Amino acid sequence: MSTGAARSMFALAMGDDFARLHPMLQRRFGVSLAGGYACIGRGVMSRIRRGPWWTVPFLHIGRIRNILAPYPGDQVPFTVENYPYRDPFGRETVTFVRTFDYPRRPGRPGRFDATMILGAQGRIVDYLGTHQHLAVDLELTAEPDGSLRLRSDAQRFYAGPIGFRFPMLFSGRADLRESFDDETGEYVIRLEVRNRVFGFLFGYEGRFTCEFPRAEAPPPHVLPMQHERRE
């Protein structure tokens, strides 16, 4: 495992479990200021799904601030951009900006923006959207086959002076699995977001390859419009 990976926020949050990930997943989640590199993934989502018609309002509310990409589709090209930087509060942060180029919506890509920090309790906190209104605790574990499983937990809503624990009745829990296919040299990803009452809300599955360029200043388009101090 590289020195950069050993010092990434993901390695710190996962502890010894990080070493059980496939080496290419260690590299991908080794993005950090100490590591000195970014990760740019490009590939195709073989399928993007959403739940029944009555889940559409949930998804389009999220679309306003790039919290979800609510449109279904097949064979959708996408990129994911991971850049490390230090936010205005001095916290090391990593971007997770996903852009979906829907073939049936030329010039109107979907965006799913997130920025992650290592919180004070040693857990990853994922700020969703362009304004970091939603802070989500993440649980990361290594599966026996070396893949990564990421599950979301408690969520908190912040806007100006307002802050409260977001009721899960009106949100969903994400379950993501990411692995590496040694035969094709591709990362494989699968995500499902479910609500405990309403069931399946959103999901996607696809494959992508990554480049690991030197970490320069993140391009403006991957940075949130505002940063939230509260975890």
C-alpha atoms as a PDB file:
ATOM      1  CA  MET A   1       0.000   0.000   0.000  1.00  0.00           C
ATOM      2  CA  SER A   2       1.348   3.413  -0.884  1.00  0.00           C
ATOM      3  CA  THR A   3       2.284   6.031   1.688  1.00  0.00           C
ATOM      4  CA  GLY A   4      -0.388   8.320   0.278  1.00  0.00           C
ATOM      5  CA  ALA A   5      -3.042   5.623   0.614  1.00  0.00           C
ATOM      6  CA  ALA A   6      -1.935   4.898   4.173  1.00  0.00           C
ATOM      7  CA  ARG A   7      -2.572   8.520   5.075  1.00  0.00           C
ATOM      8  CA  SER A   8      -5.819   9.100   3.200  1.00  0.00           C
ATOM      9  CA  MET A   9      -8.984   9.856   5.133  1.00  0.00           C
ATOM     10  CA  PHE A  10     -10.453   6.579   3.896  1.00  0.00           C
ATOM     11  CA  ALA A  11      -7.503   4.589   5.213  1.00  0.00           C
ATOM     12  CA  LEU A  12      -7.750   6.368   8.554  1.00  0.00           C
ATOM     13  CA  ALA A  13     -11.498   5.762   8.800  1.00  0.00           C
ATOM     14  CA  MET A  14     -11.244   2.076   7.843  1.00  0.00           C
ATOM     15  CA  GLY A  15      -8.146   1.218   9.867  1.00  0.00           C
ATOM     16  CA  ASP A  16      -6.759  -2.266   9.219  1.00  0.00           C
ATOM     17  CA  ASP A  17      -9.744  -3.008   6.975  1.00  0.00           C
ATOM     18  CA  PHE A  18      -8.283  -0.723   4.302  1.00  0.00           C
ATOM     19  CA  ALA A  19      -5.403  -3.150   3.652  1.00  0.00           C
ATOM     20  CA  ARG A  20      -7.941  -5.844   2.758  1.00  0.00           C
ATOM     21  CA  LEU A  21      -9.192  -3.875  -0.235  1.00  0.00           C
ATOM     22  CA  HIS A  22      -8.001  -4.780  -3.727  1.00  0.00           C
ATOM     23  CA  PRO A  23      -4.761  -2.814  -4.410  1.00  0.00           C
ATOM     24  CA  MET A  24      -6.460  -0.771  -7.133  1.00  0.00           C
ATOM     25  CA  LEU A  25      -9.201   0.221  -4.720  1.00  0.00           C
ATOM     26  CA  GLN A  26      -6.530   1.200  -2.220  1.00  0.00           C
ATOM     27  CA  ARG A  27      -5.071   3.429  -4.914  1.00  0.00           C
ATOM     28  CA  ARG A  28      -8.425   4.940  -5.828  1.00  0.00           C
ATOM     29  CA  PHE A  29      -9.333   5.664  -2.215  1.00  0.00           C
ATOM     30  CA  GLY A  30      -5.797   6.747  -1.429  1.00  0.00           C
ATOM     31  CA  VAL A  31      -6.539  10.179  -2.907  1.00  0.00           C
ATOM     32  CA  SER A  32      -5.250  12.705  -0.389  1.00  0.00           C
ATOM     33  CA  LEU A  33      -3.125  15.803  -0.042  1.00  0.00           C
ATOM     34  CA  ALA A  34      -0.285  13.638   1.277  1.00  0.00           C
ATOM     35  CA  GLY A  35      -0.688  11.218  -1.635  1.00  0.00           C
ATOM     36  CA  GLY A  36      -0.305  14.082  -4.083  1.00  0.00           C
ATOM     37  CA  TYR A  37      -2.635  12.746  -6.757  1.00  0.00           C
ATOM     38  CA  ALA A  38      -6.244  12.993  -7.910  1.00  0.00           C
ATOM     39  CA  CYS A  39      -8.444  10.322  -9.498  1.00  0.00           C
ATOM     40  CA  ILE A  40     -10.452  10.890 -12.678  1.00  0.00           C
ATOM     41  CA  GLY A  41     -12.736   8.050 -13.732  1.00  0.00           C
ATOM     42  CA  ARG A  42     -14.487   7.696 -17.091  1.00  0.00           C
ATOM     43  CA  GLY A  43     -16.839   4.962 -18.111  1.00  0.00           C
ATOM     44  CA  VAL A  44     -20.415   3.941 -18.836  1.00  0.00           C
ATOM     45  CA  MET A  45     -23.350   3.286 -16.581  1.00  0.00           C
ATOM     46  CA  SER A  46     -24.978   0.262 -18.142  1.00  0.00           C
ATOM     47  CA  ARG A  47     -28.168   1.115 -16.336  1.00  0.00           C
ATOM     48  CA  ILE A  48     -29.536   4.019 -14.269  1.00  0.00           C
ATOM     49  CA  ARG A  49     -32.833   3.272 -12.562  1.00  0.00           C
ATOM     50  CA  ARG A  50     -35.355   5.114 -10.471  1.00  0.00           C
ATOM     51  CA  GLY A  51     -38.297   3.930  -8.412  1.00  0.00           C
ATOM     52  CA  PRO A  52     -42.015   4.119  -9.252  1.00  0.00           C
ATOM     53  CA  TRP A  53     -43.620   7.358 -10.392  1.00  0.00           C
ATOM     54  CA  TRP A  54     -44.304   8.518  -6.851  1.00  0.00           C
ATOM     55  CA  THR A  55     -40.560   8.593  -6.084  1.00  0.00           C
ATOM     56  CA  VAL A  56     -39.933  11.158  -8.837  1.00  0.00           C
ATOM     57  CA  PRO A  57     -40.640  14.227  -6.607  1.00  0.00           C
ATOM     58  CA  PHE A  58     -37.969  13.044  -4.128  1.00  0.00           C
ATOM     59  CA  LEU A  59     -35.430  12.777  -6.934  1.00  0.00           C
ATOM     60  CA  HIS A  60     -36.207  16.095  -8.596  1.00  0.00           C
ATOM     61  CA  ILE A  61     -35.967  17.970  -5.292  1.00  0.00           C
ATOM     62  CA  GLY A  62     -32.450  16.540  -5.017  1.00  0.00           C
ATOM     63  CA  ARG A  63     -31.672  17.524  -8.621  1.00  0.00           C
ATOM     64  CA  ILE A  64     -32.008  21.228  -7.786  1.00  0.00           C
ATOM     65  CA  ARG A  65     -28.759  21.155  -5.781  1.00  0.00           C
ATOM     66  CA  ASN A  66     -27.024  18.274  -7.617  1.00  0.00           C
ATOM     67  CA  ILE A  67     -27.847  15.766  -4.869  1.00  0.00           C
ATOM     68  CA  LEU A  68     -29.172  13.150  -7.293  1.00  0.00           C
ATOM     69  CA  ALA A  69     -29.320  12.588 -11.039  1.00  0.00           C
ATOM     70  CA  PRO A  70     -32.965  11.524 -11.328  1.00  0.00           C
ATOM     71  CA  TYR A  71     -33.215  10.466 -14.974  1.00  0.00           C
ATOM     72  CA  PRO A  72     -33.164   6.772 -15.920  1.00  0.00           C
ATOM     73  CA  GLY A  73     -31.152   5.550 -18.870  1.00  0.00           C
ATOM     74  CA  ASP A  74     -29.050   2.788 -20.390  1.00  0.00           C
ATOM     75  CA  GLN A  75     -25.447   2.999 -21.586  1.00  0.00           C
ATOM     76  CA  VAL A  76     -24.945   6.454 -20.097  1.00  0.00           C
ATOM     77  CA  PRO A  77     -21.359   7.827 -20.295  1.00  0.00           C
ATOM     78  CA  PHE A  78     -20.182   9.336 -17.028  1.00  0.00           C
ATOM     79  CA  THR A  79     -17.188  10.795 -15.244  1.00  0.00           C
ATOM     80  CA  VAL A  80     -16.261  10.886 -11.572  1.00  0.00           C
ATOM     81  CA  GLU A  81     -13.763  13.455 -10.329  1.00  0.00           C
ATOM     82  CA  ASN A  82     -11.908  13.062  -7.041  1.00  0.00           C
ATOM     83  CA  TYR A  83      -9.651  15.952  -6.043  1.00  0.00           C
ATOM     84  CA  PRO A  84      -8.124  16.526  -2.602  1.00  0.00           C
ATOM     85  CA  TYR A  85      -8.055  20.058  -1.204  1.00  0.00           C
ATOM     86  CA  ARG A  86      -8.232  21.947   2.082  1.00  0.00           C
ATOM     87  CA  ASP A  87     -11.564  23.634   2.714  1.00  0.00           C
ATOM     88  CA  PRO A  88     -11.967  27.138   4.243  1.00  0.00           C
ATOM     89  CA  PHE A  89     -12.066  25.590   7.729  1.00  0.00           C
ATOM     90  CA  GLY A  90      -8.723  23.846   7.280  1.00  0.00           C
ATOM     91  CA  ARG A  91     -10.173  20.354   6.803  1.00  0.00           C
ATOM     92  CA  GLU A  92      -8.782  18.000   4.183  1.00  0.00           C
ATOM     93  CA  THR A  93     -11.582  17.343   1.708  1.00  0.00           C
ATOM     94  CA  VAL A  94     -12.028  15.060  -1.302  1.00  0.00           C
ATOM     95  CA  THR A  95     -14.518  15.781  -4.090  1.00  0.00           C
ATOM     96  CA  PHE A  96     -16.792  13.088  -5.516  1.00  0.00           C
ATOM     97  CA  VAL A  97     -18.428  14.783  -8.492  1.00  0.00           C
ATOM     98  CA  ARG A  98     -20.295  12.473 -10.853  1.00  0.00           C
ATOM     99  CA  THR A  99     -21.507  13.774 -14.228  1.00  0.00           C
ATOM    100  CA  PHE A 100     -23.917  11.721 -16.351  1.00  0.00           C
ATOM    101  CA  ASP A 101     -24.124  12.505 -20.088  1.00  0.00           C
ATOM    102  CA  TYR A 102     -27.547  11.146 -20.966  1.00  0.00           C
ATOM    103  CA  PRO A 103     -27.703  10.309 -24.697  1.00  0.00           C
ATOM    104  CA  ARG A 104     -31.350  11.378 -24.824  1.00  0.00           C
ATOM    105  CA  ARG A 105     -30.621  14.711 -23.107  1.00  0.00           C
ATOM    106  CA  PRO A 106     -27.711  16.165 -25.136  1.00  0.00           C
ATOM    107  CA  GLY A 107     -26.194  19.211 -23.512  1.00  0.00           C
ATOM    108  CA  ARG A 108     -28.118  18.603 -20.291  1.00  0.00           C
ATOM    109  CA  PRO A 109     -25.969  16.347 -18.120  1.00  0.00           C
ATOM    110  CA  GLY A 110     -26.999  15.137 -14.699  1.00  0.00           C
ATOM    111  CA  ARG A 111     -24.801  15.900 -11.698  1.00  0.00           C
ATOM    112  CA  PHE A 112     -24.375  14.179  -8.347  1.00  0.00           C
ATOM    113  CA  ASP A 113     -22.007  16.264  -6.209  1.00  0.00           C
ATOM    114  CA  ALA A 114     -20.415  15.304  -2.914  1.00  0.00           C
ATOM    115  CA  THR A 115     -17.440  16.323  -0.813  1.00  0.00           C
ATOM    116  CA  MET A 116     -16.037  14.167   1.984  1.00  0.00           C
ATOM    117  CA  ILE A 117     -14.082  14.890   5.149  1.00  0.00           C
ATOM    118  CA  LEU A 118     -12.816  12.809   8.061  1.00  0.00           C
ATOM    119  CA  GLY A 119     -15.052  13.894  10.929  1.00  0.00           C
ATOM    120  CA  ALA A 120     -14.103  14.448  14.542  1.00  0.00           C
ATOM    121  CA  GLN A 121     -15.418  11.001  15.497  1.00  0.00           C
ATOM    122  CA  GLY A 122     -13.124   9.271  13.001  1.00  0.00           C
ATOM    123  CA  ARG A 123     -15.891   8.623  10.494  1.00  0.00           C
ATOM    124  CA  ILE A 124     -16.287   9.874   6.927  1.00  0.00           C
ATOM    125  CA  VAL A 125     -18.829  12.677   6.630  1.00  0.00           C
ATOM    126  CA  ASP A 126     -20.251  13.138   3.138  1.00  0.00           C
ATOM    127  CA  TYR A 127     -21.638  16.584   2.290  1.00  0.00           C
ATOM    128  CA  LEU A 128     -24.117  16.303  -0.561  1.00  0.00           C
ATOM    129  CA  GLY A 129     -24.960  18.876  -3.182  1.00  0.00           C
ATOM    130  CA  THR A 130     -23.702  22.250  -4.325  1.00  0.00           C
ATOM    131  CA  HIS A 131     -24.313  23.926  -0.943  1.00  0.00           C
ATOM    132  CA  GLN A 132     -23.462  21.064   1.454  1.00  0.00           C
ATOM    133  CA  HIS A 133     -26.956  21.220   2.936  1.00  0.00           C
ATOM    134  CA  LEU A 134     -27.013  17.512   3.746  1.00  0.00           C
ATOM    135  CA  ALA A 135     -24.283  15.858   5.859  1.00  0.00           C
ATOM    136  CA  VAL A 136     -24.309  12.056   5.846  1.00  0.00           C
ATOM    137  CA  ASP A 137     -22.303   9.639   7.990  1.00  0.00           C
ATOM    138  CA  LEU A 138     -20.704   6.838   5.971  1.00  0.00           C
ATOM    139  CA  GLU A 139     -19.714   3.321   6.984  1.00  0.00           C
ATOM    140  CA  LEU A 140     -16.963   1.781   4.818  1.00  0.00           C
ATOM    141  CA  THR A 141     -15.989  -1.880   4.984  1.00  0.00           C
ATOM    142  CA  ALA A 142     -13.851  -4.273   2.959  1.00  0.00           C
ATOM    143  CA  GLU A 143     -15.696  -7.322   1.646  1.00  0.00           C
ATOM    144  CA  PRO A 144     -14.055 -10.785   1.558  1.00  0.00           C
ATOM    145  CA  ASP A 145     -13.392 -10.444  -2.190  1.00  0.00           C
ATOM    146  CA  GLY A 146     -11.500  -7.167  -1.733  1.00  0.00           C
ATOM    147  CA  SER A 147     -14.364  -4.948  -2.836  1.00  0.00           C
ATOM    148  CA  LEU A 148     -15.507  -1.875  -0.940  1.00  0.00           C
ATOM    149  CA  ARG A 149     -18.954  -1.573   0.564  1.00  0.00           C
ATOM    150  CA  LEU A 150     -20.187   1.884   1.516  1.00  0.00           C
ATOM    151  CA  ARG A 151     -23.400   2.413   3.446  1.00  0.00           C
ATOM    152  CA  SER A 152     -24.920   5.701   4.513  1.00  0.00           C
ATOM    153  CA  ASP A 153     -26.182   6.251   8.032  1.00  0.00           C
ATOM    154  CA  ALA A 154     -27.466   9.299   9.943  1.00  0.00           C
ATOM    155  CA  GLN A 155     -28.183  12.462   7.980  1.00  0.00           C
ATOM    156  CA  ARG A 156     -28.277  16.085   9.103  1.00  0.00           C
ATOM    157  CA  PHE A 157     -29.684  19.118   7.274  1.00  0.00           C
ATOM    158  CA  TYR A 158     -27.942  22.505   7.508  1.00  0.00           C
ATOM    159  CA  ALA A 159     -28.983  25.834   5.980  1.00  0.00           C
ATOM    160  CA  GLY A 160     -27.795  29.088   7.524  1.00  0.00           C
ATOM    161  CA  PRO A 161     -28.639  29.013  11.251  1.00  0.00           C
ATOM    162  CA  ILE A 162     -30.940  26.015  10.781  1.00  0.00           C
ATOM    163  CA  GLY A 163     -29.672  22.554  11.617  1.00  0.00           C
ATOM    164  CA  PHE A 164     -31.522  19.348  12.442  1.00  0.00           C
ATOM    165  CA  ARG A 165     -31.305  15.593  12.106  1.00  0.00           C
ATOM    166  CA  PHE A 166     -32.969  14.784   8.811  1.00  0.00           C
ATOM    167  CA  PRO A 167     -35.869  12.322   9.197  1.00  0.00           C
ATOM    168  CA  MET A 168     -35.136   9.154   7.255  1.00  0.00           C
ATOM    169  CA  LEU A 169     -38.826   8.884   6.325  1.00  0.00           C
ATOM    170  CA  PHE A 170     -38.127  11.609   3.764  1.00  0.00           C
ATOM    171  CA  SER A 171     -34.753  10.366   2.591  1.00  0.00           C
ATOM    172  CA  GLY A 172     -32.968   7.173   1.599  1.00  0.00           C
ATOM    173  CA  ARG A 173     -30.038   5.041   2.659  1.00  0.00           C
ATOM    174  CA  ALA A 174     -27.375   4.337   0.078  1.00  0.00           C
ATOM    175  CA  ASP A 175     -25.682   0.957  -0.340  1.00  0.00           C
ATOM    176  CA  LEU A 176     -22.734   1.099  -2.737  1.00  0.00           C
ATOM    177  CA  ARG A 177     -20.321  -1.639  -3.779  1.00  0.00           C
ATOM    178  CA  GLU A 178     -17.169  -0.970  -5.760  1.00  0.00           C
ATOM    179  CA  SER A 179     -14.755  -3.628  -6.994  1.00  0.00           C
ATOM    180  CA  PHE A 180     -11.980  -4.077  -9.547  1.00  0.00           C
ATOM    181  CA  ASP A 181     -12.108  -6.481 -12.475  1.00  0.00           C
ATOM    182  CA  ASP A 182      -8.562  -7.755 -13.046  1.00  0.00           C
ATOM    183  CA  GLU A 183      -9.441  -9.241 -16.436  1.00  0.00           C
ATOM    184  CA  THR A 184     -10.702  -6.006 -17.983  1.00  0.00           C
ATOM    185  CA  GLY A 185      -8.780  -3.511 -15.837  1.00  0.00           C
ATOM    186  CA  GLU A 186     -12.023  -1.741 -14.937  1.00  0.00           C
ATOM    187  CA  TYR A 187     -13.659  -0.583 -11.744  1.00  0.00           C
ATOM    188  CA  VAL A 188     -17.159  -1.963 -11.250  1.00  0.00           C
ATOM    189  CA  ILE A 189     -19.746   0.028  -9.307  1.00  0.00           C
ATOM    190  CA  ARG A 190     -23.288  -0.645  -8.135  1.00  0.00           C
ATOM    191  CA  LEU A 191     -25.454   1.694  -6.050  1.00  0.00           C
ATOM    192  CA  GLU A 192     -28.951   1.421  -4.613  1.00  0.00           C
ATOM    193  CA  VAL A 193     -30.771   4.077  -2.583  1.00  0.00           C
ATOM    194  CA  ARG A 194     -33.781   2.866  -0.626  1.00  0.00           C
ATOM    195  CA  ASN A 195     -36.330   4.422   1.706  1.00  0.00           C
ATOM    196  CA  ARG A 196     -37.451   2.217   4.591  1.00  0.00           C
ATOM    197  CA  VAL A 197     -41.126   2.900   3.811  1.00  0.00           C
ATOM    198  CA  PHE A 198     -41.241   3.645   0.079  1.00  0.00           C
ATOM    199  CA  GLY A 199     -38.614   1.136  -1.025  1.00  0.00           C
ATOM    200  CA  PHE A 200     -36.284   1.560  -3.983  1.00  0.00           C
ATOM    201  CA  LEU A 201     -35.645   5.196  -4.988  1.00  0.00           C
ATOM    202  CA  PHE A 202     -32.609   5.280  -7.256  1.00  0.00           C
ATOM    203  CA  GLY A 203     -29.689   3.182  -8.416  1.00  0.00           C
ATOM    204  CA  TYR A 204     -27.041   2.623 -11.040  1.00  0.00           C
ATOM    205  CA  GLU A 205     -24.455   0.096 -12.136  1.00  0.00           C
ATOM    206  CA  GLY A 206     -21.525   0.489 -14.471  1.00  0.00           C
ATOM    207  CA  ARG A 207     -17.820   0.213 -15.221  1.00  0.00           C
ATOM    208  CA  PHE A 208     -15.044   2.759 -15.551  1.00  0.00           C
ATOM    209  CA  THR A 209     -11.294   3.226 -15.803  1.00  0.00           C
ATOM    210  CA  CYS A 210      -9.240   5.757 -13.859  1.00  0.00           C
ATOM    211  CA  GLU A 211      -6.331   8.091 -14.373  1.00  0.00           C
ATOM    212  CA  PHE A 212      -4.345   9.372 -11.406  1.00  0.00           C
ATOM    213  CA  PRO A 213      -2.964  12.789 -12.343  1.00  0.00           C
ATOM    214  CA  ARG A 214      -0.866  14.899 -10.040  1.00  0.00           C
ATOM    215  CA  ALA A 215      -3.114  16.752  -7.610  1.00  0.00           C
ATOM    216  CA  GLU A 216      -3.228  20.389  -8.642  1.00  0.00           C
ATOM    217  CA  ALA A 217      -5.787  22.902  -7.393  1.00  0.00           C
ATOM    218  CA  PRO A 218      -9.251  21.431  -8.051  1.00  0.00           C
ATOM    219  CA  PRO A 219     -11.035  22.927 -11.061  1.00  0.00           C
ATOM    220  CA  PRO A 220     -13.768  25.354  -9.970  1.00  0.00           C
ATOM    221  CA  HIS A 221     -16.594  23.228 -11.345  1.00  0.00           C
ATOM    222  CA  VAL A 222     -16.018  20.435  -8.770  1.00  0.00           C
ATOM    223  CA  LEU A 223     -16.039  22.733  -5.730  1.00  0.00           C
ATOM    224  CA  PRO A 224     -19.212  23.385  -3.722  1.00  0.00           C
ATOM    225  CA  MET A 225     -20.687  26.876  -3.854  1.00  0.00           C
ATOM    226  CA  GLN A 226     -20.487  27.051  -0.069  1.00  0.00           C
ATOM    227  CA  HIS A 227     -18.891  24.986   2.693  1.00  0.00           C
ATOM    228  CA  GLU A 228     -20.557  23.879   5.912  1.00  0.00           C
ATOM    229  CA  ARG A 229     -18.557  23.895   9.159  1.00  0.00           C
ATOM    230  CA  ARG A 230     -20.973  21.696  11.106  1.00  0.00           C
ATOM    231  CA  GLU A 231     -20.573  17.933  10.807  1.00  0.00           C
END
